Protein backbone atom coordinates (compact mmCIF):
# COMPACT_ATOMS: atom_id res chain seq x y z
CA MET A 1 -22.55 6.50 -6.30
CA ILE A 2 -19.75 3.93 -6.37
CA PRO A 3 -20.88 0.71 -8.06
CA SER A 4 -21.28 -2.62 -6.30
CA PRO A 5 -17.88 -3.92 -5.16
CA HIS A 6 -18.55 -7.18 -7.00
CA VAL A 7 -18.47 -5.53 -10.45
CA ALA A 8 -14.81 -6.25 -11.16
CA GLY A 9 -14.79 -4.89 -14.69
CA SER A 10 -16.17 -1.44 -13.92
CA SER A 11 -14.68 1.04 -16.38
CA ARG A 12 -13.60 4.62 -15.73
CA SER A 13 -16.80 5.93 -17.33
CA HIS A 14 -18.94 3.92 -14.91
CA MET A 15 -17.14 4.77 -11.67
CA ASP A 16 -17.60 7.92 -9.66
CA ALA A 17 -14.45 10.04 -10.00
CA LYS A 18 -14.44 10.51 -6.22
CA ALA A 19 -13.91 6.81 -5.50
CA THR A 20 -10.64 7.05 -3.57
CA LEU A 21 -8.02 4.83 -1.96
CA LEU A 22 -5.43 6.22 0.45
CA ALA A 23 -2.31 4.07 0.82
CA LEU A 24 -0.32 4.93 3.95
CA PHE A 25 3.26 3.67 4.09
CA ALA A 26 6.57 4.36 5.82
CA HIS A 27 9.07 4.61 2.98
CA PRO A 28 9.40 5.19 -0.75
CA ASP A 29 9.16 1.75 -2.46
CA ASP A 30 6.62 0.41 0.09
CA GLU A 31 3.98 1.20 -2.54
CA VAL A 32 5.30 -1.10 -5.27
CA PHE A 33 6.21 -4.66 -4.29
CA ARG A 34 3.05 -5.90 -2.54
CA CYS A 35 0.39 -3.55 -3.92
CA GLY A 36 1.69 -1.62 -6.93
CA GLY A 37 -0.27 -3.67 -9.44
CA THR A 38 -3.49 -3.25 -7.48
CA LEU A 39 -2.98 0.51 -7.31
CA ALA A 40 -2.46 0.61 -11.08
CA LEU A 41 -5.56 -1.52 -11.76
CA LEU A 42 -7.72 0.64 -9.50
CA SER A 43 -6.49 3.77 -11.23
CA GLU A 44 -7.37 2.25 -14.61
CA ARG A 45 -10.90 1.71 -13.28
CA GLY A 46 -11.29 5.35 -12.30
CA VAL A 47 -10.34 5.19 -8.64
CA ARG A 48 -8.35 8.14 -7.32
CA VAL A 49 -5.28 6.55 -5.70
CA GLN A 50 -3.21 8.61 -3.27
CA VAL A 51 0.01 7.39 -1.62
CA LEU A 52 0.94 9.05 1.68
CA THR A 53 4.48 8.24 2.82
CA ALA A 54 5.73 9.03 6.32
CA THR A 55 9.43 9.48 5.44
CA ARG A 56 11.70 10.17 2.50
CA GLY A 57 13.68 6.99 3.14
CA GLN A 58 16.75 8.90 4.28
CA ALA A 59 18.18 5.86 6.09
CA GLY A 60 18.12 3.61 3.04
CA SER A 61 20.85 2.66 0.59
CA CYS A 62 22.45 5.14 -1.79
CA GLY A 63 22.89 2.32 -4.29
CA ASP A 64 25.81 0.10 -5.28
CA PRO A 65 27.72 1.88 -6.66
CA PRO A 66 26.34 4.96 -4.87
CA LEU A 67 24.02 7.12 -6.97
CA CYS A 68 24.07 10.01 -4.51
CA SER A 69 25.52 11.13 -1.20
CA PRO A 70 23.78 10.29 2.09
CA GLN A 71 22.86 13.96 2.39
CA GLU A 72 21.12 13.82 -0.99
CA LEU A 73 19.33 10.53 -0.43
CA GLY A 74 16.05 11.91 0.92
CA ALA A 75 15.54 14.13 -2.11
CA VAL A 76 16.60 11.36 -4.49
CA ARG A 77 14.21 8.86 -2.95
CA GLU A 78 11.36 11.34 -3.05
CA ALA A 79 12.02 11.72 -6.78
CA GLU A 80 12.04 7.93 -7.11
CA LEU A 81 8.69 7.76 -5.32
CA ARG A 82 7.23 10.35 -7.69
CA CYS A 83 8.57 8.36 -10.64
CA ALA A 84 6.94 5.18 -9.32
CA CYS A 85 3.56 6.82 -8.77
CA GLN A 86 3.67 8.21 -12.30
CA ALA A 87 4.53 4.75 -13.67
CA LEU A 88 1.54 3.27 -11.83
CA GLY A 89 -0.75 5.98 -13.20
CA ILE A 90 -1.74 7.28 -9.77
CA LEU A 91 -1.67 10.72 -8.13
CA PRO A 92 1.65 12.31 -7.15
CA PRO A 93 2.57 11.19 -3.63
CA ARG A 94 2.27 13.15 -0.41
CA LEU A 95 4.90 12.97 2.34
CA LEU A 96 4.74 13.59 6.09
CA ASP A 97 8.47 14.44 6.35
CA TYR A 98 9.38 12.29 9.37
CA GLN A 99 12.84 10.82 9.87
CA ASP A 100 13.40 7.36 8.41
CA GLY A 101 14.06 4.76 11.09
CA ALA A 102 12.62 6.86 13.89
CA LEU A 103 8.84 6.59 13.51
CA ALA A 104 8.49 4.79 16.83
CA LYS A 105 9.73 8.01 18.50
CA VAL A 106 7.31 10.32 16.68
CA ASN A 107 4.54 12.09 18.59
CA GLU A 108 1.81 9.64 17.64
CA ASN A 109 -1.07 12.01 18.30
CA GLU A 110 0.49 14.52 15.90
CA ALA A 111 1.03 11.89 13.21
CA VAL A 112 -2.52 10.56 13.53
CA ALA A 113 -3.91 14.10 13.35
CA GLN A 114 -2.09 14.66 10.06
CA ILE A 115 -3.51 11.44 8.63
CA VAL A 116 -7.01 12.28 9.81
CA ALA A 117 -6.71 15.65 8.08
CA VAL A 118 -5.92 13.85 4.82
CA LEU A 119 -8.85 11.47 5.37
CA ARG A 120 -11.13 14.44 5.94
CA GLU A 121 -9.89 16.10 2.73
CA LEU A 122 -9.92 13.08 0.40
CA GLN A 123 -12.79 11.09 1.96
CA PRO A 124 -11.39 7.75 0.76
CA GLN A 125 -13.54 4.65 0.85
CA VAL A 126 -10.47 2.44 1.41
CA LEU A 127 -7.41 2.91 3.63
CA LEU A 128 -4.48 0.59 2.90
CA THR A 129 -1.39 0.11 5.06
CA TRP A 130 1.02 -2.37 6.64
CA PRO A 131 -0.25 -5.06 9.04
CA PRO A 132 0.40 -4.62 12.80
CA HIS A 133 3.63 -6.65 12.61
CA GLY A 134 4.82 -4.68 9.60
CA LEU A 135 5.03 -7.88 7.49
CA SER A 136 8.82 -7.84 7.82
CA GLY A 137 8.84 -6.63 11.43
CA HIS A 138 10.27 -3.22 10.46
CA PRO A 139 9.60 -0.78 13.35
CA ASP A 140 8.61 1.99 10.92
CA HIS A 141 6.03 -0.28 9.26
CA ILE A 142 4.65 -1.21 12.67
CA ALA A 143 4.32 2.45 13.68
CA VAL A 144 2.54 3.41 10.47
CA SER A 145 0.12 0.49 10.85
CA ARG A 146 -0.76 1.68 14.34
CA TRP A 147 -1.28 5.25 13.10
CA ALA A 148 -3.59 4.02 10.34
CA THR A 149 -5.70 2.04 12.80
CA ARG A 150 -6.08 5.03 15.09
CA ALA A 151 -6.92 7.31 12.15
CA PHE A 152 -9.57 4.85 10.95
CA GLU A 153 -11.09 4.74 14.43
CA ARG A 154 -11.12 8.55 14.65
CA ALA A 155 -12.76 8.84 11.25
CA MET A 156 -15.57 6.59 12.47
CA ALA A 157 -15.85 8.43 15.78
CA GLU A 158 -16.10 11.77 13.99
CA GLY A 159 -18.80 10.48 11.67
CA MET A 160 -16.79 10.76 8.45
CA VAL A 161 -18.31 9.09 5.39
CA GLY A 162 -15.11 7.12 4.83
CA PRO A 163 -13.05 5.12 4.94
CA VAL A 164 -15.41 2.16 5.02
CA ALA A 165 -12.62 -0.42 5.03
CA LEU A 166 -9.09 -0.74 6.39
CA TYR A 167 -6.84 -3.19 4.54
CA HIS A 168 -3.41 -4.61 5.33
CA LEU A 169 -0.81 -5.83 2.86
CA ALA A 170 -0.34 -9.57 3.25
CA VAL A 171 1.60 -12.60 2.08
CA PRO A 172 -0.33 -15.86 2.47
CA GLN A 173 1.41 -18.65 4.36
CA SER A 174 1.20 -21.01 1.39
CA LEU A 175 3.15 -18.57 -0.79
CA ALA A 176 5.69 -17.78 1.92
CA GLN A 177 6.32 -21.49 2.47
CA ARG A 178 6.65 -22.15 -1.26
CA LEU A 179 9.23 -19.37 -1.63
CA GLY A 180 11.00 -20.05 1.67
CA LEU A 181 10.20 -16.58 3.05
CA SER A 182 10.38 -17.55 6.70
CA GLN A 183 11.42 -14.01 7.67
CA LEU A 184 7.97 -12.65 6.79
CA HIS A 185 4.97 -12.64 9.11
CA ALA A 186 2.74 -14.48 6.66
CA ALA A 187 -1.02 -14.61 7.06
CA PRO A 188 -3.07 -17.82 7.23
CA ASP A 189 -4.52 -18.35 3.77
CA GLU A 190 -8.08 -18.30 5.09
CA GLN A 191 -7.53 -14.75 6.41
CA ILE A 192 -6.80 -13.35 2.95
CA ALA A 193 -9.86 -11.31 1.97
CA VAL A 194 -8.69 -10.00 -1.41
CA THR A 195 -6.45 -11.67 -3.98
CA VAL A 196 -5.59 -9.66 -7.08
CA ASP A 197 -3.96 -11.02 -10.24
CA VAL A 198 -1.83 -8.13 -11.49
CA GLY A 199 -0.39 -9.86 -14.54
CA ALA A 200 -2.21 -7.42 -16.82
CA VAL A 201 -0.19 -4.53 -15.37
CA TRP A 202 3.08 -6.42 -14.87
CA ALA A 203 5.02 -3.98 -17.08
CA GLN A 204 3.69 -0.99 -15.12
CA LYS A 205 4.53 -2.59 -11.81
CA MET A 206 8.06 -3.47 -12.88
CA ALA A 207 8.58 0.04 -14.28
CA ALA A 208 7.52 1.45 -10.91
CA ILE A 209 9.92 -0.89 -9.08
CA GLN A 210 12.74 0.17 -11.40
CA CYS A 211 12.10 3.81 -10.48
CA HIS A 212 13.59 3.05 -7.05
CA ARG A 213 17.11 2.81 -8.47
CA THR A 214 18.92 3.39 -5.19
CA GLN A 215 17.15 0.44 -3.55
CA LEU A 216 17.25 -2.19 -6.31
CA GLY A 217 20.28 -3.93 -4.84
CA GLU A 218 18.46 -4.32 -1.51
CA SER A 219 15.75 -6.61 -2.92
CA PRO A 220 16.68 -10.32 -3.24
CA ILE A 221 13.53 -11.01 -5.26
CA LEU A 222 14.84 -8.90 -8.15
CA ALA A 223 17.96 -11.06 -8.33
CA ALA A 224 15.89 -14.24 -8.51
CA PRO A 225 14.93 -16.07 -11.72
CA ILE A 226 11.97 -14.51 -13.50
CA GLU A 227 9.72 -17.46 -12.60
CA ARG A 228 10.35 -16.82 -8.90
CA GLN A 229 9.86 -13.08 -9.36
CA ARG A 230 6.50 -13.62 -11.01
CA LEU A 231 5.40 -16.07 -8.34
CA PHE A 232 5.97 -13.40 -5.68
CA LEU A 233 4.96 -10.29 -7.62
CA ASP A 234 2.22 -11.42 -10.03
CA THR A 235 -0.45 -11.72 -7.34
CA GLU A 236 -1.14 -9.32 -4.49
CA HIS A 237 -2.96 -10.19 -1.28
CA PHE A 238 -4.77 -8.16 1.35
CA GLN A 239 -6.37 -8.74 4.74
CA ARG A 240 -9.52 -6.79 5.57
CA ALA A 241 -8.65 -5.55 9.03
CA ALA A 242 -11.77 -3.50 9.73
CA ALA A 243 -14.89 -2.48 7.88
CA ARG A 244 -18.23 -0.78 8.27
CA CYS A 245 -21.18 -0.96 5.91
CA GLY A 246 -20.54 0.82 2.64
CA HIS A 247 -19.21 0.29 -0.85
CA ASP A 248 -15.78 -1.33 -0.85
CA PHE A 249 -14.48 -1.24 -4.43
CA LEU A 250 -11.30 -3.18 -3.60
CA LEU A 251 -13.38 -6.34 -3.26
CA GLY A 252 -14.32 -5.99 -6.92
CA LEU A 253 -10.77 -6.78 -8.04
CA SER A 254 -10.57 -9.97 -6.02
CA SER A 255 -10.76 -13.60 -7.00
CA SER A 256 -11.48 -14.37 -3.31
CA GLN A 257 -13.80 -11.90 -1.66
CA SER A 258 -15.97 -11.40 1.39
CA SER A 259 -18.50 -8.60 1.72
CA ASN A 260 -19.01 -8.74 5.49
CA CYS A 261 -19.19 -5.11 6.61
CA LYS A 262 -18.24 -5.82 10.22
CA ALA A 263 -14.70 -6.82 11.05
CA GLY A 264 -12.73 -6.23 14.21
CA LEU A 265 -9.70 -4.03 14.46
C-alpha cells in the first residue's frame, strides 16, 4: 500500500515500488522546466515516473549554430529527451510519434485510446499534464491537456484503480507578476494545490535542462541572471484539476497541500 500522502519524507524502502506517476506532454523539454525537480524527487522516494511525449519536437529549433539538419531534428530531440529522463533518474520516455505542431489535427479518439492503454498498463496514481490553456497558449499543449482529461475520465468510467488525481503544471500569479511573465496564463495563488521546493535536486534539474541542447537558445530564462533563474526554477507548482478518493503521493512533497478527494474537471 502507498503511504499517506502527508508523509513527505517517505524513503524508497517504505514506498510501494508500484507507486507511479505518468507525465503526459507534447514535446521533449516539456518535462524539465516546470516539473523536472518534482519528477526527480518522486523518483528518489521510490515512485516510478514515466514521461509520455506526444511528438519528437520536429518543428523546434536545430540550435544556434545548428547542431543537426531539420530532417535529423526529431531523432536528435528524442535523444535529448532520453538524456533528460536519465539525468532526472526516471524511466526512459515513451513517445506517441505524432507530428510536432499538428496535435490539434490528430484523431483525438485515437490519441486518447493510446493514453488509456498506457494508464491500463502502468496503473498510475497520478496523471500530470499541461493546463487547459497550455500555460503558454501553445496549441499542442492545449491538445495534450484535453487528451489527458478525457483519458482520466475514461479510466474512471472503466473502473480502473488509477489515476486517483489529475494535476496541471502551473505558475502562480504572484510569481508571474514578480518576473514580468505576462505571456503566461498564470493561476491564482489560492488555486495552487501543491508547491514543491526543488532546491535539493537543482543540479539534476539543470543537467536535464542542459540535455536539450538544440533548444537552449529558445529559453529566455536561461539567459537571465542566476537569481532570476532560481526564482523561476527552484519551486514548482501544480493545480489539482480532478481527484477521486485514494492515495495521492504528490501531496506529500508539498508545502501547501489539500487532501480533498473530490475536485471538478
